Amino acid sequence: MSAVRSFAMLKNILSTFITRVLGSLLTLVVVVLSARFLGAEKTGTVSLVILAVSILQLIGNFVGGGALIYLAPRNSMLKLIVPSYLWALLTSVAGSLVMEAFRGIPAGYFIHVLVLSFILSLATANFMALMSRERIRAYNVISLLQVVLLFISLSLFLLVFRYREVMAYIYGLYISYIFAFLTGFILIFPYLREKKEGKQPHLLREMFRYGTVMQLGNIFQFLNYRASFYFIEYFINRAAVGVYNVGIQLSESIWLISKSIHLVQFARISNEQDSYKAARLTLGLVKISFLLTLVCIAALIGLLYLCFPLVFRPEFAGIKPVMLVMATGILTFSVSIILSPYFSGMGKPIHNTISAAIGLVFTISATLLLIPRLGLPGGALAASLAYTASTIYQFVVFVRITHVRARDFLLTGKDITAFVTMIRGLRNPV
């Protein structure tokens, strides 16, 4: 990789990281606002609505998700975006009906889940189109403004209008999702006019083939994160879902470091022809991500114990044990977040799917065993075990494919020096 391309990638990582930090801080404020003014039970209802929307959006991304990033450099954007939009409509309608039949949507929120999932799927397809052109800054700005709009909308409803119902949050989602879709579409519109040479045979089949493997992994992984919501509501109650959701959102906010790196890394590896360079890049980013995640975990838990009485109601006291139990899994999974784009970018997303499936098996089995016995900490322990199991599989496969030695993953003084040098280079480019 040339010095210019390395600098560009690092600049994008830093830009993405700063945006993710701001977005995550606002997201945490939104979490605190909803917890403080809606209470545990209404927060639980919001969590289940967002869970249903997210599941449907993931299914919508079978066509308009990561496959679009992978295929767009080689194909016409228009021929990719049209089937992505149509698939989003089909999955939002059919998926909502299926989830309603199996009581996967809180009573009274069917239409909202259907419409929100459709808008979010469209917005995500636009985001993937931008990422395929490495429009990292544009993606970052839209993502940040989307969170800002949700924060402003929720603040107005809760603090100014004193409307403290579940619909206050849902109206905020409508505003932020519609904004994300419209701005994304305006930015990708010029690319829809581009024409690629060649007939591009079997493009739709290729989108399904690549997208299915990738999205199954994403769906399995998402269920690793959130499937426990349904078990917590069944074994405990909906208020417990609200408490648990706040706890895991606070814990998962630490992943903003890994996910910021992940986003730029995937786009870069998808365009990298040298597998050795892709492997060495991934290895270096794994070590940096692990170290920074460890520091952030310690800082967040310390801050939580100092500030908890000032921020949360007593009914949210269960947040603290949830975060403590999840700490190990959060740290371990920061490695998985960096390994995943290596497999996807090198055309081997099946390993991410297998990893996520392994985690899902652990999630379901451990959740059924631990939640009835330990309550919310049992759900957190099940999640931590699932994260660790998924990461171990990816680690083993990565070592086998790249032939790097396990000890190469150990952080050295040279790695820290290189990282500091990279950051200084971003501030003072030659």
Foldseek 3Di string as FASTA:
>chain_A
DDPVVVLVLLLLLVLLLVLLVLLLVLVLVVLLLLCAQQHLQQLLLLVLLVLLLVLLLLQLQLQLALLCLLCVVPFQNLVRLVVSLVSLLVSLVVVLVVCVVVVSHDPPCSVLSSVLSSLQSLLNSLLSLCVSVPVSNLSSVLSSVLSVQLSVQLCCCCPVVVPRGSVSNSVSSVVSSNSSNVSSCVVCVVSNPDHDDDDCPPVSVSSNVLSVLQSLLVSLQVCLVPVLSVVLCVQPRSSLSSLLVSLVSLLLSLLSSLLSSLSSLLSVLLVDPDLLVNLVVLLLSLLVQLVSSVVVLVVSLVVCVVCVVVRHDPSNPVSNLLSVLLSQLSSLLSSVSSLQSSCSSVPRNNLSSVLSNQLSVLLVVQSVVQCNPPNSNSNSNSSSVSSNSSSVSSVVVSCVVNVDDPCSSDDDPVSVVVVVVSVVCSVPPD
